[in-house]
Amino acid sequence: YFSSLMQLLSNILLWDGIVPGDTVCDLGLSKLLNRYLLLNLLNTPPGPDNTEKCNKVVSCFPERWFQDLKSGSTLPQLTNFSQHLLQ
């Protein structure tokens, strides 16, 4: 299940720069990450498996989304995911 969701997220985020960024961000982060992937991550026990899954999610994000952010801040759509990482 997780690998299918990751493939879908990766494919959605590949459209960044081709379709409007707000659309890609909304579909990939607000809808897929926050509704389905995060639920899967929260139900995975803490440990190497959860860490590996989180790394896979992070590796999909386009770097340019974070270039203009201040240190210690994140995109609003990533707030819940960031809190999970901190735990």
Protein backbone atom coordinates (compact mmCIF):
# COMPACT_ATOMS: atom_id res chain seq x y z
CA TYR A 1 0.00 0.00 0.00
CA PHE A 2 2.72 2.45 1.00
CA SER A 3 4.81 1.80 -2.10
CA SER A 4 1.78 2.44 -4.34
CA LEU A 5 1.11 5.73 -2.57
CA MET A 6 4.76 6.71 -2.90
CA GLN A 7 4.72 5.96 -6.62
CA LEU A 8 1.62 8.11 -7.00
CA LEU A 9 3.17 10.97 -4.97
CA SER A 10 6.35 10.79 -7.01
CA ASN A 11 4.39 10.90 -10.27
CA ILE A 12 2.25 13.83 -9.10
CA LEU A 13 5.29 15.85 -8.01
CA LEU A 14 6.97 15.26 -11.38
CA TRP A 15 4.31 17.57 -12.82
CA ASP A 16 5.77 20.48 -10.82
CA GLY A 17 6.75 23.17 -13.31
CA ILE A 18 4.44 21.77 -16.00
CA VAL A 19 1.10 22.48 -14.34
CA PRO A 20 0.54 25.31 -11.83
CA GLY A 21 2.52 24.78 -8.64
CA ASP A 22 -0.51 25.35 -6.43
CA THR A 23 -2.31 22.48 -8.15
CA VAL A 24 0.62 20.09 -7.74
CA CYS A 25 1.14 21.12 -4.12
CA ASP A 26 -2.55 20.79 -3.28
CA LEU A 27 -2.94 17.39 -4.92
CA GLY A 28 0.36 15.93 -3.75
CA LEU A 29 0.61 17.36 -0.26
CA SER A 30 -2.83 18.39 0.95
CA LYS A 31 -4.67 15.47 -0.55
CA LEU A 32 -2.28 12.51 -0.89
CA LEU A 33 0.36 13.11 1.79
CA ASN A 34 -1.87 14.49 4.53
CA ARG A 35 -4.79 12.13 3.96
CA TYR A 36 -3.21 8.81 3.10
CA LEU A 37 0.57 8.69 3.45
CA LEU A 38 0.65 10.38 6.84
CA LEU A 39 -1.98 7.96 8.16
CA ASN A 40 0.22 5.07 7.04
CA LEU A 41 3.29 6.66 8.66
CA LEU A 42 1.45 7.26 11.93
CA ASN A 43 0.45 3.58 12.02
CA THR A 44 4.02 2.39 11.41
CA PRO A 45 5.87 1.73 14.67
CA PRO A 46 8.83 4.04 15.37
CA GLY A 47 12.06 2.59 14.07
CA PRO A 48 14.11 2.04 10.93
CA ASP A 49 11.09 1.18 8.76
CA ASN A 50 9.33 4.42 9.64
CA THR A 51 12.52 6.41 9.11
CA GLU A 52 13.03 4.84 5.69
CA LYS A 53 9.45 5.65 4.69
CA CYS A 54 9.86 9.29 5.80
CA ASN A 55 13.11 9.58 3.82
CA LYS A 56 11.32 8.31 0.72
CA VAL A 57 8.61 10.93 1.15
CA VAL A 58 11.11 13.75 1.64
CA SER A 59 13.16 12.70 -1.40
CA CYS A 60 10.13 13.33 -3.65
CA PHE A 61 9.78 17.01 -2.77
CA PRO A 62 11.12 19.48 -5.34
CA GLU A 63 14.02 21.42 -3.76
CA ARG A 64 12.82 24.71 -5.20
CA TRP A 65 9.79 24.60 -2.88
CA PHE A 66 12.14 25.21 0.05
CA GLN A 67 14.61 27.71 -1.38
CA ASP A 68 12.82 30.85 -0.17
CA LEU A 69 11.79 29.54 3.25
CA LYS A 70 13.36 30.86 6.42
CA SER A 71 15.40 28.47 8.52
CA GLY A 72 13.21 26.33 10.75
CA SER A 73 10.05 26.93 8.73
CA THR A 74 8.19 24.74 6.27
CA LEU A 75 5.34 24.81 3.80
CA PRO A 76 1.94 25.03 5.53
CA GLN A 77 0.89 21.75 3.88
CA LEU A 78 3.84 20.00 5.53
CA THR A 79 3.06 21.03 9.10
CA ASN A 80 1.61 17.65 10.13
CA PHE A 81 4.38 15.73 8.40
CA SER A 82 6.99 17.96 10.08
CA GLN A 83 5.44 17.28 13.48
CA HIS A 84 5.60 13.55 12.78
CA LEU A 85 9.29 13.87 11.91
CA LEU A 86 9.98 15.73 15.15
CA GLN A 87 8.40 12.97 17.19
